[in-house]
Amino acid sequence: MKLGKASWLLAALMGVCLPASAQVINTRIHVNIPFNFVAGHEYLSAGRYTIVPVFKDTVTTWRITSDDDRVSVSMITREAMSPVKIHRRSVMFQQLGGRYVLAEFWTTEHSGREIPKMSQQALEASGKDVEITAE
């Protein structure tokens, strides 16, 4: 009887834990960015990049890496949810003056990650948003 309860408990735990870990594993984004941009506090050149979570057990810290592995920047992010609007797998930039700043990226239709803004004044001065669909 105890073995039956233990087996059931193990199956229940796996049912809860596996979907969560699969969600983290399935978050890799490949994107070709046609302009120079800022990610975190670093200036990056136009090119092909991959965005992935840094740690397997949390999705707070993400890394953007050039496909040639020459540039890699880690960023602290926070959750972005969009229960109504459906998003494509994409990255969003804000154009601030003549610079493009990585603002958020969408890993699923209704959830993504937001990079905290530099300042509310810079955000208000923003002219437009630019979206690039992931590959």
Protein backbone atom coordinates (compact mmCIF):
# COMPACT_ATOMS: atom_id res chain seq x y z
CA MET A 1 0.00 0.00 0.00
CA LYS A 2 2.82 2.44 0.88
CA LEU A 3 4.54 1.68 -2.43
CA GLY A 4 1.33 2.53 -4.30
CA LYS A 5 1.05 5.90 -2.54
CA ALA A 6 4.72 6.67 -3.16
CA SER A 7 4.36 5.81 -6.86
CA TRP A 8 1.30 8.02 -7.16
CA LEU A 9 3.10 10.90 -5.43
CA LEU A 10 6.13 10.53 -7.70
CA ALA A 11 3.90 10.53 -10.79
CA ALA A 12 2.10 13.65 -9.56
CA LEU A 13 5.38 15.47 -8.93
CA MET A 14 6.68 14.57 -12.37
CA GLY A 15 3.45 15.82 -13.91
CA VAL A 16 3.97 19.20 -12.25
CA CYS A 17 7.75 19.52 -12.66
CA LEU A 18 8.27 18.24 -16.21
CA PRO A 19 5.98 20.76 -17.94
CA ALA A 20 7.71 23.60 -16.07
CA SER A 21 11.19 22.43 -17.06
CA ALA A 22 10.07 21.80 -20.65
CA GLN A 23 8.83 25.38 -20.77
CA VAL A 24 12.30 26.68 -19.83
CA ILE A 25 14.05 24.38 -22.33
CA ASN A 26 11.79 25.49 -25.18
CA THR A 27 12.60 29.21 -24.85
CA ARG A 28 15.58 29.55 -27.21
CA ILE A 29 15.08 32.41 -29.70
CA HIS A 30 17.11 32.85 -32.91
CA VAL A 31 16.90 36.27 -34.54
CA ASN A 32 18.65 38.28 -37.25
CA ILE A 33 18.86 41.91 -36.14
CA PRO A 34 19.50 44.31 -39.05
CA PHE A 35 20.78 47.26 -37.00
CA ASN A 36 23.19 48.05 -34.15
CA PHE A 37 21.46 48.01 -30.77
CA VAL A 38 21.82 48.15 -26.98
CA ALA A 39 21.19 45.05 -24.84
CA GLY A 40 21.55 45.48 -21.10
CA HIS A 41 24.29 48.11 -20.92
CA GLU A 42 26.24 46.90 -23.96
CA TYR A 43 26.31 48.08 -27.57
CA LEU A 44 25.96 45.21 -30.05
CA SER A 45 26.41 45.14 -33.82
CA ALA A 46 23.80 44.05 -36.32
CA GLY A 47 23.81 40.31 -36.89
CA ARG A 48 22.41 36.94 -35.95
CA TYR A 49 21.83 36.29 -32.24
CA THR A 50 20.46 33.63 -29.93
CA ILE A 51 18.64 34.47 -26.70
CA VAL A 52 18.49 31.80 -23.97
CA PRO A 53 17.91 31.63 -20.22
CA VAL A 54 21.19 31.51 -18.29
CA PHE A 55 19.99 29.03 -15.65
CA LYS A 56 17.80 25.98 -16.15
CA ASP A 57 15.78 26.48 -12.97
CA THR A 58 14.90 30.16 -13.38
CA VAL A 59 14.03 32.46 -16.27
CA THR A 60 15.05 35.76 -14.66
CA THR A 61 18.52 36.02 -16.20
CA TRP A 62 18.88 35.69 -19.98
CA ARG A 63 21.86 35.81 -22.33
CA ILE A 64 22.02 37.16 -25.85
CA THR A 65 24.93 35.69 -27.83
CA SER A 66 26.11 36.37 -31.36
CA ASP A 67 26.07 33.32 -33.61
CA ASP A 68 29.87 33.57 -33.98
CA ASP A 69 30.18 33.51 -30.12
CA ARG A 70 32.23 36.71 -30.11
CA VAL A 71 29.70 38.71 -28.07
CA SER A 72 27.60 37.59 -25.13
CA VAL A 73 25.60 39.80 -22.76
CA SER A 74 23.56 38.70 -19.73
CA MET A 75 20.43 40.61 -18.79
CA ILE A 76 18.11 40.60 -15.80
CA THR A 77 14.50 40.43 -17.00
CA ARG A 78 11.02 40.34 -15.58
CA GLU A 79 7.93 38.52 -16.73
CA ALA A 80 5.80 40.06 -19.48
CA MET A 81 2.29 38.71 -19.95
CA SER A 82 -0.19 39.46 -22.69
CA PRO A 83 -3.41 37.53 -22.01
CA VAL A 84 -5.34 39.14 -24.89
CA LYS A 85 -2.86 40.03 -27.62
CA ILE A 86 -1.16 37.13 -29.41
CA HIS A 87 2.55 37.67 -29.99
CA ARG A 88 4.77 35.96 -32.50
CA ARG A 89 8.09 34.61 -31.25
CA SER A 90 9.96 37.90 -31.56
CA VAL A 91 12.13 40.61 -30.05
CA MET A 92 10.99 44.19 -29.52
CA PHE A 93 13.19 47.27 -29.58
CA GLN A 94 12.49 50.85 -28.55
CA GLN A 95 14.01 53.54 -30.67
CA LEU A 96 15.52 56.15 -28.37
CA GLY A 97 16.95 58.99 -30.38
CA GLY A 98 19.19 57.29 -32.93
CA ARG A 99 19.64 54.10 -30.91
CA TYR A 100 17.66 50.87 -30.75
CA VAL A 101 17.33 49.38 -27.26
CA LEU A 102 16.24 45.78 -26.69
CA ALA A 103 13.05 46.17 -24.64
CA GLU A 104 11.37 42.75 -24.58
CA PHE A 105 11.17 39.38 -26.26
CA TRP A 106 8.29 36.96 -26.65
CA THR A 107 8.91 33.24 -26.20
CA THR A 108 5.26 32.18 -26.54
CA GLU A 109 2.05 33.76 -27.79
CA HIS A 110 1.11 35.17 -24.39
CA SER A 111 4.30 35.30 -22.34
CA GLY A 112 7.73 36.80 -22.70
CA ARG A 113 10.41 38.73 -20.88
CA GLU A 114 10.84 42.46 -20.39
CA ILE A 115 14.17 44.19 -19.85
CA PRO A 116 13.75 46.88 -17.18
CA LYS A 117 13.74 50.38 -18.65
CA MET A 118 16.71 52.71 -18.23
CA SER A 119 14.49 55.51 -16.98
CA GLN A 120 10.88 56.59 -17.28
CA GLN A 121 11.99 59.85 -18.97
CA ALA A 122 13.83 57.93 -21.67
CA LEU A 123 10.76 55.76 -22.16
CA GLU A 124 8.50 58.79 -22.57
CA ALA A 125 10.94 60.32 -25.07
CA SER A 126 10.74 57.15 -27.14
CA GLY A 127 9.48 57.66 -30.67
CA LYS A 128 8.56 54.17 -31.78
CA ASP A 129 8.76 50.45 -31.17
CA VAL A 130 10.35 48.03 -33.64
CA GLU A 131 9.52 44.31 -33.74
CA ILE A 132 11.70 41.63 -35.35
CA THR A 133 10.23 38.16 -35.76
CA ALA A 134 12.38 35.27 -34.60
CA GLU A 135 13.57 32.67 -37.08
